[in-house]
Amino acid sequence: MALPLIIAILAAAAPLAAMGFEYWPGLAPCALCLWQRWPYWVAAGLALLALAAPPRWRAWLLGGVGLAIAVSAAIAALHVGVEQGWWPSPLPACLAPGVGAGTSVDDLLLNMAPLPTKPCDEPAYLFPGLPLSVAAMNLIYAALLTIWTLRQALRERRF
């Protein structure tokens, strides 16, 4: 199997697994969880482009794959910090809607999210007893995949 195809599969595996965790065991994603998925899809697309690209472009495309996965790692690091209370979330979707004195029930219903959401500062644990949230596991996976992909891109550049 060609290296870019393996990288595309590994990149697509993370958001697919996250979507699977929504159905079993029923973990609800927050806004930062959803943001972490997009760079993986970009990475998978770039890896598939690298599969069909001429050899001289392959290293550059694989470097782009590594950078895209690094973006997911950065979002995951931000998410872990929010979960740990180190800083507040920069996304308004992570905050509970404000209720003012003049807010009606109709206004509250109109402002409700169409999908079930959870606060970004509430960690989701996949394995009971394991002190790693799903965001922390994604940070580790994305960091390792970034390093490996960038090393492969450098190796491709040498040939």
Protein backbone atom coordinates (compact mmCIF):
# COMPACT_ATOMS: atom_id res chain seq x y z
CA MET A 1 0.00 0.00 0.00
CA ALA A 2 1.33 3.44 -0.88
CA LEU A 3 2.41 5.73 1.94
CA PRO A 4 -0.03 8.58 1.13
CA LEU A 5 -2.94 6.12 1.23
CA ILE A 6 -1.88 4.88 4.67
CA ILE A 7 -1.65 8.48 5.89
CA ALA A 8 -5.08 9.29 4.40
CA ILE A 9 -6.57 6.30 6.23
CA LEU A 10 -4.92 7.30 9.51
CA ALA A 11 -6.10 10.90 9.11
CA ALA A 12 -9.68 9.89 8.32
CA ALA A 13 -9.72 7.36 11.16
CA ALA A 14 -9.74 10.05 13.88
CA PRO A 15 -12.92 11.91 12.88
CA LEU A 16 -14.63 8.67 11.91
CA ALA A 17 -13.83 7.22 15.34
CA ALA A 18 -15.11 10.41 16.99
CA MET A 19 -18.37 10.12 15.06
CA GLY A 20 -18.57 6.49 16.13
CA PHE A 21 -18.19 7.53 19.78
CA GLU A 22 -21.28 9.70 19.35
CA TYR A 23 -23.35 6.59 18.63
CA TRP A 24 -21.57 4.21 20.96
CA PRO A 25 -21.17 4.93 23.86
CA GLY A 26 -23.21 8.07 23.17
CA LEU A 27 -20.68 10.84 23.81
CA ALA A 28 -22.06 14.25 22.84
CA PRO A 29 -19.55 16.48 21.04
CA CYS A 30 -19.01 20.11 21.96
CA ALA A 31 -18.11 22.87 19.51
CA LEU A 32 -14.34 22.39 20.01
CA CYS A 33 -14.75 18.64 19.44
CA LEU A 34 -16.34 19.36 16.09
CA TRP A 35 -13.63 21.86 15.16
CA GLN A 36 -10.92 19.26 15.78
CA ARG A 37 -12.33 17.06 13.00
CA TRP A 38 -12.03 19.45 10.05
CA PRO A 39 -8.22 19.48 9.79
CA TYR A 40 -8.22 15.68 9.59
CA TRP A 41 -10.53 15.80 6.56
CA VAL A 42 -8.23 18.36 4.92
CA ALA A 43 -5.26 16.12 5.72
CA ALA A 44 -6.97 13.05 4.25
CA GLY A 45 -7.79 14.98 1.07
CA LEU A 46 -4.22 16.25 0.71
CA ALA A 47 -2.88 12.74 1.29
CA LEU A 48 -5.10 11.40 -1.48
CA LEU A 49 -3.82 14.18 -3.75
CA ALA A 50 -0.27 13.13 -2.84
CA LEU A 51 -1.13 9.61 -3.88
CA ALA A 52 -1.81 10.80 -7.44
CA ALA A 53 0.78 13.60 -7.54
CA PRO A 54 4.15 13.43 -9.28
CA PRO A 55 6.99 12.46 -6.93
CA ARG A 56 8.43 15.99 -6.78
CA TRP A 57 5.10 17.31 -5.37
CA ARG A 58 4.45 14.41 -3.03
CA ALA A 59 6.78 15.64 -0.28
CA TRP A 60 5.17 19.09 -0.30
CA LEU A 61 1.68 17.65 -0.14
CA LEU A 62 2.67 15.33 2.70
CA GLY A 63 4.13 18.34 4.50
CA GLY A 64 0.75 20.03 4.10
CA VAL A 65 -0.88 16.91 5.54
CA GLY A 66 1.39 17.13 8.57
CA LEU A 67 0.57 20.80 9.06
CA ALA A 68 -3.17 20.14 8.79
CA ILE A 69 -2.95 17.45 11.45
CA ALA A 70 -0.87 19.83 13.58
CA VAL A 71 -3.81 22.27 13.43
CA SER A 72 -6.04 19.56 14.91
CA ALA A 73 -3.43 18.99 17.61
CA ALA A 74 -3.41 22.73 18.38
CA ILE A 75 -7.21 22.81 18.65
CA ALA A 76 -7.04 19.72 20.88
CA ALA A 77 -4.45 21.45 23.10
CA LEU A 78 -6.77 24.46 23.35
CA HIS A 79 -9.64 22.11 24.20
CA VAL A 80 -7.66 20.31 26.91
CA GLY A 81 -6.82 23.71 28.43
CA VAL A 82 -10.50 24.65 28.44
CA GLU A 83 -11.41 21.31 30.03
CA GLN A 84 -8.78 21.80 32.73
CA GLY A 85 -9.92 25.36 33.43
CA TRP A 86 -6.61 26.91 32.35
CA TRP A 87 -8.40 29.38 30.05
CA PRO A 88 -11.92 30.04 28.77
CA SER A 89 -13.08 28.82 25.39
CA PRO A 90 -12.79 31.36 22.59
CA LEU A 91 -15.88 29.94 20.85
CA PRO A 92 -19.25 31.49 21.68
CA ALA A 93 -20.89 28.10 20.97
CA CYS A 94 -19.15 26.71 24.06
CA LEU A 95 -20.86 29.15 26.38
CA ALA A 96 -24.36 28.92 27.75
CA PRO A 97 -26.70 31.52 26.25
CA GLY A 98 -27.23 34.55 28.41
CA VAL A 99 -30.67 35.11 29.84
CA GLY A 100 -31.59 38.72 30.37
CA ALA A 101 -34.58 40.18 32.15
CA GLY A 102 -36.36 40.85 28.85
CA THR A 103 -35.70 37.41 27.30
CA SER A 104 -38.85 35.50 26.42
CA VAL A 105 -39.27 31.75 26.23
CA ASP A 106 -39.69 32.08 22.46
CA ASP A 107 -36.32 33.86 22.22
CA LEU A 108 -34.67 31.08 24.24
CA LEU A 109 -36.21 28.42 22.01
CA LEU A 110 -35.01 30.21 18.88
CA ASN A 111 -31.45 30.39 20.26
CA MET A 112 -31.25 26.69 21.12
CA ALA A 113 -28.77 24.64 19.15
CA PRO A 114 -30.34 22.26 16.63
CA LEU A 115 -28.14 19.38 17.80
CA PRO A 116 -27.50 18.31 21.37
CA THR A 117 -24.36 20.01 22.63
CA LYS A 118 -22.37 20.03 25.79
CA PRO A 119 -20.15 22.68 27.32
CA CYS A 120 -16.57 22.63 26.10
CA ASP A 121 -15.23 22.69 29.64
CA GLU A 122 -16.90 19.37 30.50
CA PRO A 123 -14.44 16.57 29.60
CA ALA A 124 -15.77 13.48 27.85
CA TYR A 125 -14.12 10.27 29.01
CA LEU A 126 -14.23 7.24 26.74
CA PHE A 127 -12.74 4.80 29.23
CA PRO A 128 -13.86 5.01 32.87
CA GLY A 129 -10.90 5.31 35.19
CA LEU A 130 -8.51 6.51 32.46
CA PRO A 131 -7.65 10.13 33.25
CA LEU A 132 -7.51 11.09 29.56
CA SER A 133 -10.43 12.88 27.97
CA VAL A 134 -11.25 12.31 24.32
CA ALA A 135 -9.67 15.71 23.57
CA ALA A 136 -6.47 14.65 25.34
CA MET A 137 -6.41 11.37 23.42
CA ASN A 138 -6.86 13.32 20.19
CA LEU A 139 -3.99 15.62 21.18
CA ILE A 140 -1.69 12.63 21.65
CA TYR A 141 -2.84 10.95 18.41
CA ALA A 142 -2.58 14.15 16.37
CA ALA A 143 0.86 14.99 17.76
CA LEU A 144 2.22 11.51 16.99
CA LEU A 145 0.64 11.45 13.53
CA THR A 146 1.99 14.95 12.80
CA ILE A 147 5.54 13.96 13.74
CA TRP A 148 5.38 10.72 11.75
CA THR A 149 3.85 12.38 8.68
CA LEU A 150 6.38 15.21 8.65
CA ARG A 151 9.21 12.69 8.96
CA GLN A 152 7.77 10.78 6.00
CA ALA A 153 7.53 14.03 4.03
CA LEU A 154 11.20 14.74 4.72
CA ARG A 155 12.10 11.21 3.69
CA GLU A 156 10.15 11.62 0.42
CA ARG A 157 11.98 14.87 -0.26
CA ARG A 158 15.36 13.16 -0.10
CA PHE A 159 14.49 10.76 -2.90
